Amino acid sequence: MSDTWLVILLLAVATFAIRMCGALLGQRLPQQGSWARALKALPGSLIVALVSVSLLAGGPAEWVAGAIALVVATLTRNLVLTMAVGIGAIWLLRFYA
């Protein structure tokens, strides 16, 4: 077996193992209590952390795009739409500014 196929096989096994570990550990996570509430809040916290770092490191275009996304989030309460509008706004502002 060539080195390339060996690497592909090992990466496939590693990918499968990571997914299986995630599925097995996911069944053991608490469904109620303070830990469950903290884990449910984690995705939103990560998004806020990523956006705040981008805003602090960015310039006026990032701040305007952030404000536009905040308005969309407040009006629609739709995460996917907010992200799409924010990404589109920053793309347009960077392209045309």
C-alpha atoms as a PDB file:
ATOM      1  CA  MET A   1       0.000   0.000   0.000  1.00  0.00           C
ATOM      2  CA  SER A   2       1.396   3.386  -0.926  1.00  0.00           C
ATOM      3  CA  ASP A   3       1.903   6.162   1.594  1.00  0.00           C
ATOM      4  CA  THR A   4      -0.921   8.187   0.107  1.00  0.00           C
ATOM      5  CA  TRP A   5      -3.496   5.449   0.634  1.00  0.00           C
ATOM      6  CA  LEU A   6      -2.206   4.820   4.134  1.00  0.00           C
ATOM      7  CA  VAL A   7      -2.641   8.491   5.028  1.00  0.00           C
ATOM      8  CA  ILE A   8      -6.160   8.511   3.542  1.00  0.00           C
ATOM      9  CA  LEU A   9      -7.079   5.388   5.509  1.00  0.00           C
ATOM     10  CA  LEU A  10      -5.681   6.762   8.777  1.00  0.00           C
ATOM     11  CA  LEU A  11      -7.476  10.080   8.295  1.00  0.00           C
ATOM     12  CA  ALA A  12     -10.744   8.256   7.595  1.00  0.00           C
ATOM     13  CA  VAL A  13     -10.340   6.193  10.776  1.00  0.00           C
ATOM     14  CA  ALA A  14      -9.491   9.314  12.784  1.00  0.00           C
ATOM     15  CA  THR A  15     -12.519  11.165  11.412  1.00  0.00           C
ATOM     16  CA  PHE A  16     -14.802   8.276  12.248  1.00  0.00           C
ATOM     17  CA  ALA A  17     -13.320   8.009  15.755  1.00  0.00           C
ATOM     18  CA  ILE A  18     -13.834  11.715  16.413  1.00  0.00           C
ATOM     19  CA  ARG A  19     -17.463  11.498  15.298  1.00  0.00           C
ATOM     20  CA  MET A  20     -18.117   8.402  17.387  1.00  0.00           C
ATOM     21  CA  CYS A  21     -16.562   9.988  20.469  1.00  0.00           C
ATOM     22  CA  GLY A  22     -18.738  13.055  19.973  1.00  0.00           C
ATOM     23  CA  ALA A  23     -21.870  10.926  19.668  1.00  0.00           C
ATOM     24  CA  LEU A  24     -20.985   8.828  22.710  1.00  0.00           C
ATOM     25  CA  LEU A  25     -20.042  11.824  24.853  1.00  0.00           C
ATOM     26  CA  GLY A  26     -23.112  13.741  23.696  1.00  0.00           C
ATOM     27  CA  GLN A  27     -25.356  11.090  25.221  1.00  0.00           C
ATOM     28  CA  ARG A  28     -23.698  11.623  28.603  1.00  0.00           C
ATOM     29  CA  LEU A  29     -24.242  15.408  28.708  1.00  0.00           C
ATOM     30  CA  PRO A  30     -26.712  16.592  31.341  1.00  0.00           C
ATOM     31  CA  GLN A  31     -30.232  17.261  30.084  1.00  0.00           C
ATOM     32  CA  GLN A  32     -31.326  19.371  33.067  1.00  0.00           C
ATOM     33  CA  GLY A  33     -29.757  21.675  35.599  1.00  0.00           C
ATOM     34  CA  SER A  34     -27.226  24.470  35.489  1.00  0.00           C
ATOM     35  CA  TRP A  35     -24.732  22.579  33.300  1.00  0.00           C
ATOM     36  CA  ALA A  36     -27.423  21.919  30.687  1.00  0.00           C
ATOM     37  CA  ARG A  37     -28.369  25.624  30.648  1.00  0.00           C
ATOM     38  CA  ALA A  38     -24.708  26.620  30.296  1.00  0.00           C
ATOM     39  CA  LEU A  39     -24.164  24.216  27.399  1.00  0.00           C
ATOM     40  CA  LYS A  40     -27.291  25.493  25.637  1.00  0.00           C
ATOM     41  CA  ALA A  41     -25.994  29.083  25.936  1.00  0.00           C
ATOM     42  CA  LEU A  42     -22.540  28.192  24.597  1.00  0.00           C
ATOM     43  CA  PRO A  43     -23.182  28.628  20.824  1.00  0.00           C
ATOM     44  CA  GLY A  44     -24.564  32.135  21.318  1.00  0.00           C
ATOM     45  CA  SER A  45     -21.643  33.040  23.571  1.00  0.00           C
ATOM     46  CA  LEU A  46     -19.168  31.862  20.940  1.00  0.00           C
ATOM     47  CA  ILE A  47     -20.835  33.943  18.230  1.00  0.00           C
ATOM     48  CA  VAL A  48     -20.765  37.037  20.449  1.00  0.00           C
ATOM     49  CA  ALA A  49     -17.081  36.448  21.225  1.00  0.00           C
ATOM     50  CA  LEU A  50     -16.161  36.071  17.550  1.00  0.00           C
ATOM     51  CA  VAL A  51     -18.149  39.130  16.475  1.00  0.00           C
ATOM     52  CA  SER A  52     -16.782  41.314  19.274  1.00  0.00           C
ATOM     53  CA  VAL A  53     -13.177  40.419  18.377  1.00  0.00           C
ATOM     54  CA  SER A  54     -13.890  41.289  14.729  1.00  0.00           C
ATOM     55  CA  LEU A  55     -15.448  44.602  15.725  1.00  0.00           C
ATOM     56  CA  LEU A  56     -12.607  45.566  18.047  1.00  0.00           C
ATOM     57  CA  ALA A  57      -9.990  44.689  15.439  1.00  0.00           C
ATOM     58  CA  GLY A  58     -11.905  46.240  12.549  1.00  0.00           C
ATOM     59  CA  GLY A  59     -12.540  49.709  11.295  1.00  0.00           C
ATOM     60  CA  PRO A  60     -15.585  51.727  10.331  1.00  0.00           C
ATOM     61  CA  ALA A  61     -16.802  49.167   7.783  1.00  0.00           C
ATOM     62  CA  GLU A  62     -16.992  46.461  10.451  1.00  0.00           C
ATOM     63  CA  TRP A  63     -18.796  48.769  12.866  1.00  0.00           C
ATOM     64  CA  VAL A  64     -21.392  49.786  10.256  1.00  0.00           C
ATOM     65  CA  ALA A  65     -21.935  46.149   9.262  1.00  0.00           C
ATOM     66  CA  GLY A  66     -22.280  45.242  12.930  1.00  0.00           C
ATOM     67  CA  ALA A  67     -24.872  47.967  13.429  1.00  0.00           C
ATOM     68  CA  ILE A  68     -26.820  46.782  10.387  1.00  0.00           C
ATOM     69  CA  ALA A  69     -26.732  43.197  11.656  1.00  0.00           C
ATOM     70  CA  LEU A  70     -27.857  44.370  15.113  1.00  0.00           C
ATOM     71  CA  VAL A  71     -30.863  46.149  13.610  1.00  0.00           C
ATOM     72  CA  VAL A  72     -31.791  43.054  11.600  1.00  0.00           C
ATOM     73  CA  ALA A  73     -31.389  40.835  14.678  1.00  0.00           C
ATOM     74  CA  THR A  74     -33.564  43.135  16.770  1.00  0.00           C
ATOM     75  CA  LEU A  75     -36.309  43.373  14.161  1.00  0.00           C
ATOM     76  CA  THR A  76     -36.440  39.766  12.978  1.00  0.00           C
ATOM     77  CA  ARG A  77     -34.959  37.600  15.756  1.00  0.00           C
ATOM     78  CA  ASN A  78     -33.690  35.355  12.958  1.00  0.00           C
ATOM     79  CA  LEU A  79     -30.088  34.208  13.384  1.00  0.00           C
ATOM     80  CA  VAL A  80     -29.586  32.967   9.818  1.00  0.00           C
ATOM     81  CA  LEU A  81     -30.966  36.164   8.300  1.00  0.00           C
ATOM     82  CA  THR A  82     -28.879  38.280  10.679  1.00  0.00           C
ATOM     83  CA  MET A  83     -25.701  36.426   9.751  1.00  0.00           C
ATOM     84  CA  ALA A  84     -26.475  36.626   6.036  1.00  0.00           C
ATOM     85  CA  VAL A  85     -27.175  40.352   6.197  1.00  0.00           C
ATOM     86  CA  GLY A  86     -24.074  40.975   8.319  1.00  0.00           C
ATOM     87  CA  ILE A  87     -21.836  39.037   5.946  1.00  0.00           C
ATOM     88  CA  GLY A  88     -23.377  40.768   2.946  1.00  0.00           C
ATOM     89  CA  ALA A  89     -23.006  44.184   4.571  1.00  0.00           C
ATOM     90  CA  ILE A  90     -19.347  43.700   5.436  1.00  0.00           C
ATOM     91  CA  TRP A  91     -18.647  42.362   1.956  1.00  0.00           C
ATOM     92  CA  LEU A  92     -20.323  45.360   0.281  1.00  0.00           C
ATOM     93  CA  LEU A  93     -18.709  47.872   2.626  1.00  0.00           C
ATOM     94  CA  ARG A  94     -15.244  46.415   2.131  1.00  0.00           C
ATOM     95  CA  PHE A  95     -15.718  46.139  -1.624  1.00  0.00           C
ATOM     96  CA  TYR A  96     -17.090  49.643  -2.192  1.00  0.00           C
ATOM     97  CA  ALA A  97     -15.354  51.578   0.613  1.00  0.00           C
END
